[in-house]
Protein backbone atom coordinates (compact mmCIF):
# COMPACT_ATOMS: atom_id res chain seq x y z
CA ASN A 1 -11.25 11.54 81.94
CA ILE A 2 -10.47 14.00 84.75
CA LYS A 3 -12.77 17.03 84.74
CA GLU A 4 -11.51 20.57 84.47
CA ALA A 5 -12.56 21.62 87.98
CA VAL A 6 -11.01 18.54 89.55
CA LEU A 7 -7.77 18.99 87.63
CA GLY A 8 -7.62 22.64 88.65
CA ALA A 9 -8.13 21.76 92.32
CA ALA A 10 -5.45 19.05 92.15
CA ILE A 11 -2.98 21.47 90.57
CA ASP A 12 -3.67 24.15 93.17
CA GLU A 13 -3.21 21.76 96.08
CA ALA A 14 -0.07 20.23 94.57
CA HIS A 15 1.51 23.62 94.00
CA LYS A 16 0.82 24.63 97.60
CA ARG A 17 3.02 21.69 98.57
CA GLY A 18 5.75 22.41 96.04
CA VAL A 19 4.76 19.42 93.89
CA LYS A 20 4.55 19.46 90.10
CA VAL A 21 1.64 18.00 88.16
CA THR A 22 1.71 16.13 84.88
CA GLY A 23 -1.13 14.49 83.02
CA HIS A 24 -2.15 12.27 80.15
CA LEU A 25 -5.30 14.23 79.39
CA CYS A 26 -8.27 13.90 77.11
CA ALA A 27 -11.42 15.47 78.58
CA VAL A 28 -9.35 18.59 79.28
CA GLY A 29 -7.49 20.12 76.35
CA PHE A 30 -3.84 21.18 76.46
CA ARG A 31 -4.54 24.94 76.56
CA GLN A 32 -7.20 24.46 79.22
CA ALA A 33 -4.72 22.55 81.35
CA ALA A 34 -2.01 25.15 80.74
CA ALA A 35 -4.37 27.89 81.93
CA LEU A 36 -5.02 25.85 85.08
CA GLY A 37 -1.28 25.77 85.76
CA ILE A 38 -0.31 22.21 84.85
CA ASP A 39 3.46 21.72 84.72
CA ASN A 40 3.82 19.00 82.10
CA LEU A 41 1.73 17.24 79.46
CA GLU A 42 2.32 13.63 78.55
CA HIS A 43 2.67 12.26 75.00
CA GLY A 44 2.35 15.47 73.01
CA PRO A 45 -0.88 16.59 71.36
CA VAL A 46 -1.47 14.67 68.13
CA PHE A 47 -2.72 11.51 69.83
CA THR A 48 -4.07 13.05 73.06
CA ASP A 49 -5.05 16.75 72.84
CA SER A 50 -8.78 16.99 72.24
CA GLU A 51 -9.10 20.76 71.90
CA PHE A 52 -9.55 20.72 68.11
CA VAL A 53 -12.27 18.02 68.03
CA PRO A 54 -15.42 19.55 66.47
CA ASN A 55 -18.40 19.98 68.82
CA ARG A 56 -16.38 18.74 71.77
CA LYS A 57 -18.40 18.57 74.98
CA LYS A 58 -17.00 20.00 78.19
CA ASP A 59 -15.44 17.45 80.53
CA GLU A 60 -15.95 14.55 78.10
CA CYS A 61 -13.18 12.55 76.50
CA PRO A 62 -13.63 12.06 72.74
CA SER A 63 -12.46 8.86 71.11
CA GLY A 64 -8.83 8.46 70.10
CA ALA A 65 -9.98 8.27 66.49
CA ALA A 66 -11.75 11.63 66.82
CA ILE A 67 -8.65 13.26 68.29
CA MET A 68 -6.44 11.91 65.52
CA ALA A 69 -8.95 13.01 62.89
CA SER A 70 -8.99 16.54 64.30
CA TRP A 71 -5.21 16.74 64.09
CA GLU A 72 -5.20 15.37 60.54
CA LYS A 73 -6.71 18.70 59.49
CA MET A 74 -4.23 20.81 61.43
CA ASP A 75 -0.96 22.03 59.95
CA ILE A 76 1.88 22.61 62.41
CA ASP A 77 2.50 26.03 60.87
CA SER A 78 -1.17 27.02 61.16
CA GLU A 79 -2.15 29.77 63.57
CA PRO A 80 -4.18 27.53 65.95
CA VAL A 81 -1.23 25.16 66.46
CA GLN A 82 1.29 27.98 66.68
CA ALA A 83 -0.96 29.68 69.25
CA LEU A 84 -0.98 26.46 71.25
CA ILE A 85 2.83 26.32 71.14
CA ARG A 86 3.15 29.98 72.15
CA ASP A 87 0.77 29.47 75.06
CA LEU A 88 2.58 26.39 76.35
CA VAL A 89 5.99 28.07 76.08
CA ALA A 90 4.76 31.28 77.75
CA ARG A 91 3.27 29.33 80.65
CA LYS A 92 6.41 27.16 80.91
CA VAL A 93 4.47 23.93 80.39
CA ALA A 94 6.79 21.06 79.46
CA ILE A 95 5.88 18.16 77.17
CA THR A 96 7.01 14.55 77.51
CA SER A 97 7.76 12.87 74.20
CA THR A 98 6.77 9.20 74.03
CA LEU A 99 7.31 8.54 70.33
CA PRO A 100 8.10 4.79 70.77
CA VAL A 101 4.60 4.19 72.14
CA PHE A 102 3.03 5.57 68.97
CA GLU A 103 5.47 3.82 66.68
CA ALA A 104 4.55 0.48 68.24
CA MET A 105 1.02 0.87 66.83
CA ILE A 106 2.15 1.20 63.21
CA ALA A 107 2.24 -2.09 61.34
CA THR A 108 4.67 -0.79 58.71
CA ARG A 109 7.23 0.28 61.32
CA PRO A 110 10.01 -2.12 62.41
CA LEU A 111 9.10 -5.01 64.66
CA LEU A 112 10.70 -5.37 68.05
CA SER A 113 14.25 -6.69 67.89
CA ARG A 114 14.88 -10.36 68.62
CA GLN A 115 16.49 -9.34 71.88
CA GLN A 116 13.38 -7.42 72.97
CA MET A 117 11.10 -10.27 71.97
CA ALA A 118 13.21 -12.60 74.09
CA MET A 119 12.55 -10.38 77.12
CA MET A 120 8.78 -10.76 76.79
CA SER A 121 6.64 -13.62 77.96
CA PRO A 122 5.12 -15.56 75.04
CA GLU A 123 1.65 -14.35 76.03
CA SER A 124 2.75 -10.72 76.15
CA LEU A 125 4.48 -10.96 72.79
CA ARG A 126 1.41 -12.48 71.15
CA SER A 127 -0.78 -9.80 72.73
CA HIS A 128 1.48 -7.01 71.47
CA LEU A 129 1.66 -8.36 67.91
CA ALA A 130 -2.12 -8.82 67.81
CA ALA A 131 -2.74 -5.31 69.13
CA ARG A 132 -0.25 -3.87 66.64
CA ALA A 133 -2.04 -5.53 63.74
CA ALA A 134 -5.47 -4.50 65.05
CA ALA A 135 -4.46 -0.85 65.43
CA ALA A 136 -4.13 -0.40 61.69
CA THR A 137 -7.67 -1.68 61.22
CA ALA A 138 -9.11 0.32 64.10
CA HIS A 139 -7.67 3.67 63.04
CA GLY A 140 -7.64 3.16 59.29
CA ARG A 141 -4.64 2.54 57.13
CA ALA A 142 -1.13 2.33 58.50
CA GLU A 143 -0.37 5.40 56.38
CA LYS A 144 -2.68 7.48 58.59
CA LEU A 145 -0.90 6.36 61.73
CA GLU A 146 2.45 7.05 60.12
CA ALA A 147 1.28 10.53 59.15
CA ALA A 148 0.12 11.16 62.72
CA LEU A 149 3.51 10.06 64.07
CA LYS A 150 5.30 12.40 61.64
CA LYS A 151 3.02 15.25 62.69
CA GLU A 152 3.76 14.59 66.35
CA MET A 153 7.46 14.67 65.53
CA ALA A 154 7.01 17.98 63.70
CA PHE A 155 5.09 19.43 66.63
CA GLU A 156 7.79 18.45 69.12
CA LEU A 157 10.51 19.98 66.95
CA ALA A 158 8.52 23.21 66.52
CA PHE A 159 7.79 23.32 70.26
CA VAL A 160 11.49 23.11 71.14
CA ARG A 161 12.52 25.59 68.44
CA ALA A 162 10.01 28.03 69.99
CA GLY A 163 11.67 27.67 73.38
CA GLY A 164 9.64 24.83 74.91
CA LEU A 165 11.05 22.26 77.33
CA LEU A 166 10.75 18.76 75.87
CA LEU A 167 11.30 15.66 78.01
CA ALA A 168 11.42 12.02 76.93
CA GLY A 169 10.21 8.72 78.36
CA PRO A 170 9.22 5.33 76.99
CA ASP A 171 5.93 4.89 78.92
CA PRO A 172 5.99 1.07 78.83
CA THR A 173 2.23 0.68 78.39
CA GLY A 174 0.40 1.26 75.13
CA ASN A 175 0.08 -2.06 73.31
CA GLY A 176 2.92 -3.64 75.26
CA GLY A 177 5.61 -3.06 72.68
CA THR A 178 7.59 -0.35 74.47
CA LEU A 179 9.95 -2.02 76.91
CA PRO A 180 11.76 -0.09 79.66
CA GLY A 181 15.33 0.70 78.68
CA PHE A 182 14.84 -0.37 75.09
CA GLY A 183 12.08 2.22 74.80
CA ASP A 184 14.44 4.96 75.99
CA GLN A 185 16.98 3.96 73.34
CA ARG A 186 14.36 3.95 70.61
CA GLY A 187 13.00 7.28 71.79
CA LEU A 188 16.39 8.89 71.21
CA GLN A 189 16.51 7.50 67.69
CA LEU A 190 13.02 8.76 66.91
CA LEU A 191 13.86 12.24 68.19
CA VAL A 192 16.74 12.31 65.71
CA GLU A 193 14.35 11.14 63.00
CA ALA A 194 12.15 14.07 64.01
CA GLY A 195 14.94 16.51 63.15
CA PHE A 196 16.87 16.94 66.39
CA THR A 197 20.62 16.46 66.36
CA PRO A 198 21.90 13.45 68.32
CA VAL A 199 23.26 15.76 71.02
CA GLU A 200 19.91 17.56 71.29
CA ALA A 201 18.12 14.22 71.61
CA ILE A 202 20.49 13.12 74.38
CA ARG A 203 19.92 16.36 76.27
CA ILE A 204 16.15 15.99 75.94
CA ALA A 205 16.36 12.52 77.47
CA THR A 206 18.80 13.42 80.26
CA SER A 207 19.41 16.97 81.40
CA ASN A 208 15.96 18.27 80.43
CA GLY A 209 14.27 15.82 82.77
CA ALA A 210 16.58 16.82 85.61
CA ARG A 211 15.96 20.49 84.85
CA PHE A 212 12.19 20.01 84.93
CA MET A 213 12.38 18.23 88.29
CA GLY A 214 14.62 20.94 89.74
CA LYS A 215 17.47 18.46 90.23
CA LEU A 216 19.95 19.58 87.59
CA ASP A 217 22.41 20.45 90.35
CA ARG A 218 22.65 16.74 91.26
CA ILE A 219 21.79 14.68 88.17
CA GLY A 220 21.26 14.96 84.42
CA THR A 221 24.75 15.80 83.21
CA ILE A 222 28.25 14.41 83.78
CA GLU A 223 30.04 16.85 86.09
CA ALA A 224 32.27 16.65 89.14
CA GLY A 225 30.20 16.40 92.31
CA LYS A 226 27.07 15.04 90.67
CA GLN A 227 25.46 11.66 91.26
CA ALA A 228 27.45 9.23 89.14
CA ASP A 229 24.78 7.12 87.45
CA LEU A 230 26.26 6.48 84.01
CA VAL A 231 25.76 4.40 80.90
CA VAL A 232 29.01 3.44 79.18
CA ILE A 233 28.49 2.97 75.45
CA LYS A 234 30.73 1.53 72.75
CA GLY A 235 30.64 4.05 69.93
CA ASP A 236 29.76 7.71 69.63
CA PRO A 237 26.02 8.44 69.94
CA SER A 238 26.72 12.17 69.58
CA ARG A 239 27.40 11.37 65.92
CA ARG A 240 25.49 8.11 65.38
CA ILE A 241 22.49 7.86 67.66
CA ALA A 242 22.01 4.13 66.97
CA ASP A 243 25.14 3.56 69.09
CA VAL A 244 22.99 4.10 72.21
CA GLU A 245 22.07 0.42 71.87
CA ASN A 246 25.70 -0.64 72.40
CA VAL A 247 25.65 -0.49 76.20
CA GLU A 248 28.72 -2.01 77.82
CA THR A 249 28.23 -1.10 81.50
CA VAL A 250 25.59 0.60 83.62
CA PHE A 251 26.68 2.36 86.81
CA LYS A 252 23.91 2.88 89.36
CA ASP A 253 24.48 4.06 92.95
CA GLY A 254 28.18 3.27 92.69
CA PHE A 255 27.77 -0.27 91.35
CA GLY A 256 28.56 -1.45 87.82
CA TYR A 257 26.14 -3.80 86.07
CA ASP A 258 26.61 -6.05 83.05
CA PRO A 259 23.77 -5.40 80.55
CA ALA A 260 23.92 -8.97 79.24
CA LYS A 261 23.36 -10.32 82.75
CA LEU A 262 20.60 -7.83 83.43
CA ASN A 263 18.78 -8.86 80.27
CA SER A 264 19.32 -12.54 80.97
CA SER A 265 17.82 -12.15 84.43
CA VAL A 266 14.45 -11.03 83.03
CA ARG A 267 14.31 -13.05 79.81
CA GLY A 268 10.75 -14.19 79.15
CA MET A 269 9.39 -12.20 82.09
CA VAL A 270 8.29 -8.81 80.73
CA GLY A 271 4.52 -8.72 80.96
CA ILE A 272 4.51 -11.11 83.92
CA ARG A 273 6.57 -9.15 86.44
């Protein structure tokens, strides 16, 4: 709900201090924000960019249903969407992909795994399942939500192919079905479903984030002299992205952690702590 003038002032002050600005916007459209100098846009446009809503009022946030409806009528290859992509790329505005958040709203998409359900408190799990079922009713048929997800995937692919910098994060909010860690793994799989190769998806989720933050010299890739935070996986996710779920060891700040013990330590607690 931030207004254009306030967003512009925040961006100006942040940039004076060498700080980057990102936003989950609504009242301000993506191209408006890009013109103001924003550095990153959260979630991609299909569920959040209000610029194509008919008769949109300045500095007012339309409903989510109105935003989705406006994007239903837009083709990714159409000139308005291509102009948006060109503008974002030219202004070096990155986009953060959060595909697992949108997938969690679609009743026909896979449920959380048994392992993820075990992490959640009973109340949080019930809340998520209820919200997931209600989303289909609130926004129309599950087919519409599925179509919106596919369009978001197509936009992200087109954005990258045009030279845009795509990042990835799980954003563990939404309807409570996107868990930290698990959401990152699912995000990689959904990027591959969108048309990226497994290696491209891995780069989006690792080195691209480091590049955006100006820290690629220290983190983001496996190289001598860099910070050695690593995930050791059984399998080959560069060929089969589902292997990202087979985590054997996590190294953080020089210490190795057992994923089974980490998961056990928070079983039944997600949504409480």
